[in-house]
């Protein structure tokens, strides 16, 4: 931890931590399923909501994707989609058809929709990740419901290469497969989450929207770089170079929650990650994330999580 003097001398121009990398590190992503999905003729399938985030890379052809709460989009060859938390969705060649229910955990090398005979008119690589449940709900709330990167947008080619490597590694069963897949999934998430759409989507809110705003990004990086500092809205506004009221309004509108609420969410996420991995005294955890005492930290943690830090640690270890 940095000294108080180093805190006071820090500036937005100094090298700071990367909030996006910090978010992904708390998720501890791993691949649990990856397969080829193909279709021919007319078809429509429905997937129920589930906890694991999912991705899709279109290899050839096209289809429609209608995600609950987001709406329908047409996926073309080379497009990439990431769902940080997968709601119910329909995928189809024709959205007017009544869909057939599909279990997302179906373990097959290739899943075929529609006409079984003849060559497919659509092929995609689909996969699901597993996030550490400890912080998945908190961290996913910082992210957009769906990230759709079209083939002609910057970053699509790099994502395609990584997704294809994941598909190859998931089916090859080589030595060191799990470690390689974990690193590839992390790279895939970084590439997808740092993507900025060519056309601004004003309705998008969350950490990515905040980082896309150069003014708010300075405050976000300051919080992540020195989470133990006794931040106030006025401090964050100065870091961003704005008035207190204008900063608070802009942060809430872009990120989706007030700045001090975001800071609390992030502090609790860090604490949960420490508590699940280490037997660290509560006083040390409290100091690590900016609380002056173990009792103050315990009160804030209990109010936020519905259980005490000690109770949470016991539960996750059993």
Protein backbone atom coordinates (compact mmCIF):
# COMPACT_ATOMS: atom_id res chain seq x y z
CA UNK A 1 0.00 0.00 0.00
CA UNK A 2 1.29 3.46 -0.77
CA UNK A 3 2.05 5.96 1.94
CA UNK A 4 -0.28 8.88 2.67
CA UNK A 5 2.32 11.30 1.31
CA UNK A 6 2.43 9.46 -2.02
CA UNK A 7 -1.36 9.62 -2.16
CA UNK A 8 -1.42 13.36 -1.84
CA UNK A 9 1.23 13.83 -4.51
CA UNK A 10 -0.43 11.62 -7.09
CA UNK A 11 -1.86 13.21 -10.23
CA UNK A 12 -4.05 12.07 -13.14
CA UNK A 13 -1.00 12.12 -15.40
CA UNK A 14 0.88 9.48 -13.40
CA UNK A 15 0.70 5.85 -14.44
CA UNK A 16 -2.37 4.27 -12.85
CA UNK A 17 -3.98 0.86 -12.68
CA UNK A 18 -6.31 -0.33 -15.40
CA UNK A 19 -9.92 -0.60 -14.13
CA UNK A 20 -10.83 -2.98 -16.93
CA UNK A 21 -8.00 -5.38 -16.12
CA UNK A 22 -8.91 -5.16 -12.44
CA UNK A 23 -12.53 -6.10 -13.17
CA UNK A 24 -11.51 -9.13 -15.24
CA UNK A 25 -8.99 -10.27 -12.61
CA UNK A 26 -11.80 -10.48 -10.02
CA UNK A 27 -13.93 -12.63 -12.33
CA UNK A 28 -11.30 -15.41 -12.69
CA UNK A 29 -12.83 -16.52 -16.05
CA UNK A 30 -12.53 -20.06 -17.37
CA UNK A 31 -14.00 -21.79 -20.42
CA UNK A 32 -16.59 -24.46 -19.64
CA UNK A 33 -18.07 -25.14 -23.07
CA UNK A 34 -17.18 -24.35 -26.67
CA UNK A 35 -18.73 -25.88 -29.78
CA UNK A 36 -19.62 -25.34 -33.41
CA UNK A 37 -23.27 -24.43 -34.02
CA UNK A 38 -24.65 -24.70 -37.55
CA UNK A 39 -27.99 -24.30 -39.25
CA UNK A 40 -29.74 -24.80 -42.58
CA UNK A 41 -33.24 -24.10 -43.83
CA UNK A 42 -35.68 -22.41 -41.45
CA UNK A 43 -35.02 -22.76 -37.74
CA UNK A 44 -35.50 -21.00 -34.39
CA UNK A 45 -34.16 -21.99 -30.96
CA UNK A 46 -34.68 -20.56 -27.49
CA UNK A 47 -32.19 -20.56 -24.59
CA UNK A 48 -33.24 -19.84 -21.00
CA UNK A 49 -31.32 -17.34 -18.88
CA UNK A 50 -28.36 -18.76 -16.99
CA UNK A 51 -25.48 -17.42 -14.90
CA UNK A 52 -22.55 -18.09 -17.22
CA UNK A 53 -21.49 -15.39 -19.69
CA UNK A 54 -21.50 -16.45 -23.33
CA UNK A 55 -19.89 -15.53 -26.62
CA UNK A 56 -20.55 -16.18 -30.28
CA UNK A 57 -18.29 -15.81 -33.32
CA UNK A 58 -20.01 -16.06 -36.71
CA UNK A 59 -17.89 -18.22 -39.02
CA UNK A 60 -20.13 -18.13 -42.09
CA UNK A 61 -23.63 -17.13 -43.15
CA UNK A 62 -25.99 -15.12 -40.96
CA UNK A 63 -28.77 -15.44 -38.39
CA UNK A 64 -30.82 -13.33 -35.99
CA UNK A 65 -30.15 -12.94 -32.27
CA UNK A 66 -32.93 -11.59 -30.02
CA UNK A 67 -31.67 -11.06 -26.45
CA UNK A 68 -34.23 -10.40 -23.70
CA UNK A 69 -34.06 -6.76 -22.64
CA UNK A 70 -31.79 -5.81 -25.55
CA UNK A 71 -33.66 -6.54 -28.78
CA UNK A 72 -32.99 -8.29 -32.06
CA UNK A 73 -29.84 -7.91 -34.21
CA UNK A 74 -28.69 -9.63 -37.35
CA UNK A 75 -25.36 -11.45 -37.06
CA UNK A 76 -23.20 -11.69 -40.17
CA UNK A 77 -20.04 -13.64 -40.95
CA UNK A 78 -17.17 -12.29 -38.85
CA UNK A 79 -19.41 -10.70 -36.19
CA UNK A 80 -18.67 -11.27 -32.49
CA UNK A 81 -21.10 -11.11 -29.55
CA UNK A 82 -20.35 -11.18 -25.83
CA UNK A 83 -23.06 -11.50 -23.17
CA UNK A 84 -21.40 -10.78 -19.76
CA UNK A 85 -24.44 -12.30 -18.02
CA UNK A 86 -26.55 -14.39 -20.35
CA UNK A 87 -30.28 -13.55 -20.23
CA UNK A 88 -32.83 -15.59 -22.14
CA UNK A 89 -32.44 -15.26 -25.89
CA UNK A 90 -33.71 -16.56 -29.22
CA UNK A 91 -31.47 -17.36 -32.18
CA UNK A 92 -33.08 -18.03 -35.53
CA UNK A 93 -32.98 -17.90 -39.29
CA UNK A 94 -36.54 -16.54 -39.04
CA UNK A 95 -37.73 -14.80 -35.88
CA UNK A 96 -41.40 -15.33 -36.83
CA UNK A 97 -41.05 -19.08 -36.20
CA UNK A 98 -41.95 -20.63 -32.85
CA UNK A 99 -38.60 -21.51 -31.23
CA UNK A 100 -37.50 -24.91 -29.95
CA UNK A 101 -36.03 -24.91 -26.43
CA UNK A 102 -32.33 -25.82 -26.24
CA UNK A 103 -30.36 -26.63 -23.08
CA UNK A 104 -27.23 -24.43 -23.05
CA UNK A 105 -25.10 -27.18 -21.48
CA UNK A 106 -25.69 -29.70 -24.26
CA UNK A 107 -22.28 -31.43 -24.68
CA UNK A 108 -21.82 -32.09 -28.38
CA UNK A 109 -18.98 -31.34 -30.78
CA UNK A 110 -21.39 -29.65 -33.22
CA UNK A 111 -25.00 -28.62 -32.74
CA UNK A 112 -27.17 -28.51 -35.89
CA UNK A 113 -30.39 -26.51 -36.24
CA UNK A 114 -33.01 -26.79 -38.97
CA UNK A 115 -32.49 -29.11 -41.94
CA UNK A 116 -30.07 -31.90 -41.06
CA UNK A 117 -29.10 -32.90 -44.61
CA UNK A 118 -26.85 -30.92 -46.89
CA UNK A 119 -24.28 -28.20 -46.18
CA UNK A 120 -25.07 -25.58 -43.50
CA UNK A 121 -25.98 -22.02 -44.46
CA UNK A 122 -24.83 -20.72 -41.07
CA UNK A 123 -21.91 -21.75 -38.84
CA UNK A 124 -20.71 -20.14 -35.63
CA UNK A 125 -18.42 -20.87 -32.72
CA UNK A 126 -20.42 -20.59 -29.49
CA UNK A 127 -19.09 -20.80 -25.97
CA UNK A 128 -19.79 -20.16 -22.31
CA UNK A 129 -17.43 -19.01 -19.59
CA UNK A 130 -17.55 -19.62 -15.89
CA UNK A 131 -16.94 -16.59 -13.67
CA UNK A 132 -16.09 -16.80 -9.99
CA UNK A 133 -19.52 -16.50 -8.37
CA UNK A 134 -18.09 -14.47 -5.48
CA UNK A 135 -18.09 -11.24 -7.44
CA UNK A 136 -19.84 -12.06 -10.70
CA UNK A 137 -23.07 -10.24 -9.85
CA UNK A 138 -21.30 -7.05 -8.72
CA UNK A 139 -18.78 -6.90 -11.54
CA UNK A 140 -21.19 -7.83 -14.32
CA UNK A 141 -23.42 -4.95 -13.19
CA UNK A 142 -20.61 -2.62 -14.33
CA UNK A 143 -20.80 -3.97 -17.89
CA UNK A 144 -23.29 -3.58 -20.78
CA UNK A 145 -25.88 -6.33 -21.31
CA UNK A 146 -24.51 -7.17 -24.79
CA UNK A 147 -21.41 -6.27 -26.76
CA UNK A 148 -21.83 -6.73 -30.53
CA UNK A 149 -18.75 -6.16 -32.67
CA UNK A 150 -19.38 -6.24 -36.41
CA UNK A 151 -16.82 -7.73 -38.79
CA UNK A 152 -15.83 -4.38 -40.31
CA UNK A 153 -15.25 -2.63 -36.96
CA UNK A 154 -11.79 -2.22 -35.37
CA UNK A 155 -10.93 -5.15 -33.14
CA UNK A 156 -13.08 -7.74 -34.96
CA UNK A 157 -10.11 -9.45 -36.61
CA UNK A 158 -8.20 -9.81 -33.33
CA UNK A 159 -11.29 -11.20 -31.59
CA UNK A 160 -11.84 -13.69 -34.39
CA UNK A 161 -8.28 -15.01 -34.01
CA UNK A 162 -8.61 -15.41 -30.24
CA UNK A 163 -12.04 -17.06 -30.46
CA UNK A 164 -10.76 -19.50 -33.09
CA UNK A 165 -7.82 -20.38 -30.83
CA UNK A 166 -10.27 -21.03 -27.98
CA UNK A 167 -12.32 -23.34 -30.20
CA UNK A 168 -9.23 -25.22 -31.33
CA UNK A 169 -7.78 -25.54 -27.81
CA UNK A 170 -11.11 -26.59 -26.27
CA UNK A 171 -11.43 -29.58 -28.60
CA UNK A 172 -7.76 -30.65 -28.91
CA UNK A 173 -7.16 -31.91 -25.33
CA UNK A 174 -3.46 -30.97 -25.38
CA UNK A 175 -1.32 -30.86 -22.20
CA UNK A 176 -1.77 -27.56 -20.36
CA UNK A 177 -5.17 -27.05 -22.01
CA UNK A 178 -6.91 -25.49 -18.99
CA UNK A 179 -4.16 -22.93 -18.37
CA UNK A 180 -4.04 -21.93 -22.04
CA UNK A 181 -7.83 -21.61 -22.18
CA UNK A 182 -7.90 -19.44 -19.06
CA UNK A 183 -5.38 -17.02 -20.60
CA UNK A 184 -7.16 -16.99 -23.97
CA UNK A 185 -10.50 -16.25 -22.32
CA UNK A 186 -8.93 -13.38 -20.37
CA UNK A 187 -7.50 -11.99 -23.62
CA UNK A 188 -10.86 -12.38 -25.34
CA UNK A 189 -12.64 -10.50 -22.55
CA UNK A 190 -10.10 -7.67 -22.58
CA UNK A 191 -10.40 -7.27 -26.35
CA UNK A 192 -14.21 -7.34 -26.24
CA UNK A 193 -14.62 -5.05 -23.24
CA UNK A 194 -12.19 -2.38 -24.42
CA UNK A 195 -14.01 -2.18 -27.75
CA UNK A 196 -15.57 1.18 -28.55
CA UNK A 197 -18.47 1.08 -31.05
CA UNK A 198 -18.07 3.12 -34.24
CA UNK A 199 -21.49 4.67 -33.61
CA UNK A 200 -22.00 6.05 -30.11
CA UNK A 201 -24.75 4.26 -28.19
CA UNK A 202 -26.12 6.87 -25.83
CA UNK A 203 -28.21 4.38 -23.91
CA UNK A 204 -25.18 2.35 -22.85
CA UNK A 205 -24.16 2.79 -19.22
CA UNK A 206 -21.57 1.20 -16.97
CA UNK A 207 -17.83 1.04 -16.47
CA UNK A 208 -17.10 0.92 -20.21
CA UNK A 209 -19.16 4.05 -20.83
CA UNK A 210 -17.31 5.78 -18.01
CA UNK A 211 -13.89 4.78 -19.33
CA UNK A 212 -14.88 6.01 -22.80
CA UNK A 213 -15.39 9.48 -21.28
CA UNK A 214 -11.87 10.99 -20.87
CA UNK A 215 -12.97 13.17 -17.95
CA UNK A 216 -14.67 10.38 -15.99
CA UNK A 217 -11.87 7.97 -16.86
CA UNK A 218 -9.44 10.05 -14.80
CA UNK A 219 -11.64 9.70 -11.72
CA UNK A 220 -12.26 5.98 -12.30
CA UNK A 221 -8.56 5.28 -12.67
CA UNK A 222 -7.89 7.30 -9.54
CA UNK A 223 -10.34 5.19 -7.54
CA UNK A 224 -8.93 1.93 -8.84
CA UNK A 225 -5.34 3.05 -8.43
CA UNK A 226 -5.80 4.04 -4.78
CA UNK A 227 -8.91 2.36 -3.44
CA UNK A 228 -7.75 2.85 0.18
CA UNK A 229 -7.75 6.64 -0.08
CA UNK A 230 -10.53 8.41 1.81
CA UNK A 231 -12.17 9.65 -1.36
CA UNK A 232 -14.95 12.23 -1.38
CA UNK A 233 -17.04 13.36 -4.33
CA UNK A 234 -15.15 16.66 -4.19
CA UNK A 235 -11.80 14.82 -4.43
CA UNK A 236 -12.98 12.81 -7.43
CA UNK A 237 -14.38 15.93 -9.10
CA UNK A 238 -10.99 17.65 -8.73
CA UNK A 239 -9.28 14.59 -10.22
CA UNK A 240 -11.67 14.79 -13.17
CA UNK A 241 -11.24 18.56 -13.46
CA UNK A 242 -14.94 19.33 -12.92
CA UNK A 243 -17.21 20.98 -10.40
CA UNK A 244 -18.62 18.67 -7.74
CA UNK A 245 -22.24 18.87 -8.94
CA UNK A 246 -21.42 18.49 -12.64
CA UNK A 247 -19.13 15.55 -11.95
CA UNK A 248 -21.67 13.72 -9.77
CA UNK A 249 -24.41 14.15 -12.39
CA UNK A 250 -22.19 13.07 -15.29
CA UNK A 251 -20.77 10.07 -13.42
CA UNK A 252 -24.22 8.83 -12.38
CA UNK A 253 -25.60 9.27 -15.89
CA UNK A 254 -22.72 7.51 -17.65
CA UNK A 255 -21.74 4.81 -15.15
CA UNK A 256 -25.25 4.12 -13.88
CA UNK A 257 -24.65 4.79 -10.17
CA UNK A 258 -23.33 7.66 -8.03
CA UNK A 259 -19.53 7.81 -7.60
CA UNK A 260 -19.49 6.86 -3.92
CA UNK A 261 -21.81 3.92 -4.58
CA UNK A 262 -19.44 2.71 -7.32
CA UNK A 263 -16.50 3.05 -4.92
CA UNK A 264 -18.37 1.04 -2.26
CA UNK A 265 -19.23 -1.69 -4.79
CA UNK A 266 -15.59 -1.92 -5.85
CA UNK A 267 -14.28 -1.99 -2.29
CA UNK A 268 -16.68 -4.79 -1.33
CA UNK A 269 -15.69 -6.74 -4.48
CA UNK A 270 -12.01 -6.51 -3.52
CA UNK A 271 -12.78 -7.54 0.05
CA UNK A 272 -14.77 -10.58 -1.11
CA UNK A 273 -11.92 -11.65 -3.36
CA UNK A 274 -9.43 -11.42 -0.48
CA UNK A 275 -11.73 -13.19 1.97
CA UNK A 276 -12.37 -16.10 -0.39
CA UNK A 277 -8.65 -16.70 -1.01
CA UNK A 278 -6.83 -15.80 2.20
CA UNK A 279 -7.24 -15.93 5.98
CA UNK A 280 -6.49 -12.25 6.35
CA UNK A 281 -7.35 -10.42 9.59
CA UNK A 282 -10.34 -8.13 9.14
CA UNK A 283 -8.32 -5.12 10.27
CA UNK A 284 -5.90 -5.68 7.38
CA UNK A 285 -8.73 -6.09 4.86
CA UNK A 286 -10.34 -2.91 6.21
CA UNK A 287 -7.12 -0.92 5.84
CA UNK A 288 -6.56 -2.35 2.35
CA UNK A 289 -9.81 -0.89 1.04
CA UNK A 290 -10.01 2.38 2.97
CA UNK A 291 -11.81 1.70 6.26
CA UNK A 292 -10.31 3.02 9.48
CA UNK A 293 -11.31 0.02 11.59
CA UNK A 294 -12.43 -3.57 11.32
CA UNK A 295 -15.79 -2.65 12.89
CA UNK A 296 -16.46 0.09 10.30
CA UNK A 297 -15.58 -2.33 7.52
CA UNK A 298 -17.71 -5.11 9.03
CA UNK A 299 -20.72 -2.78 9.30
CA UNK A 300 -20.42 -1.64 5.68
CA UNK A 301 -19.85 -5.19 4.40
CA UNK A 302 -22.83 -6.59 6.34
CA UNK A 303 -25.14 -3.80 5.20
CA UNK A 304 -24.11 -4.39 1.57
CA UNK A 305 -23.90 -8.19 1.47
CA UNK A 306 -26.42 -9.30 4.07
CA UNK A 307 -23.81 -11.21 6.08
CA UNK A 308 -20.69 -10.39 8.09
CA UNK A 309 -17.21 -10.67 6.53
CA UNK A 310 -16.45 -13.62 8.83
CA UNK A 311 -19.69 -15.33 7.88
CA UNK A 312 -19.01 -14.76 4.20
CA UNK A 313 -15.47 -16.19 4.52
CA UNK A 314 -16.76 -19.30 6.28
CA UNK A 315 -19.47 -19.82 3.68
CA UNK A 316 -17.21 -19.57 0.62
CA UNK A 317 -14.59 -21.86 2.12
CA UNK A 318 -17.13 -24.60 2.77
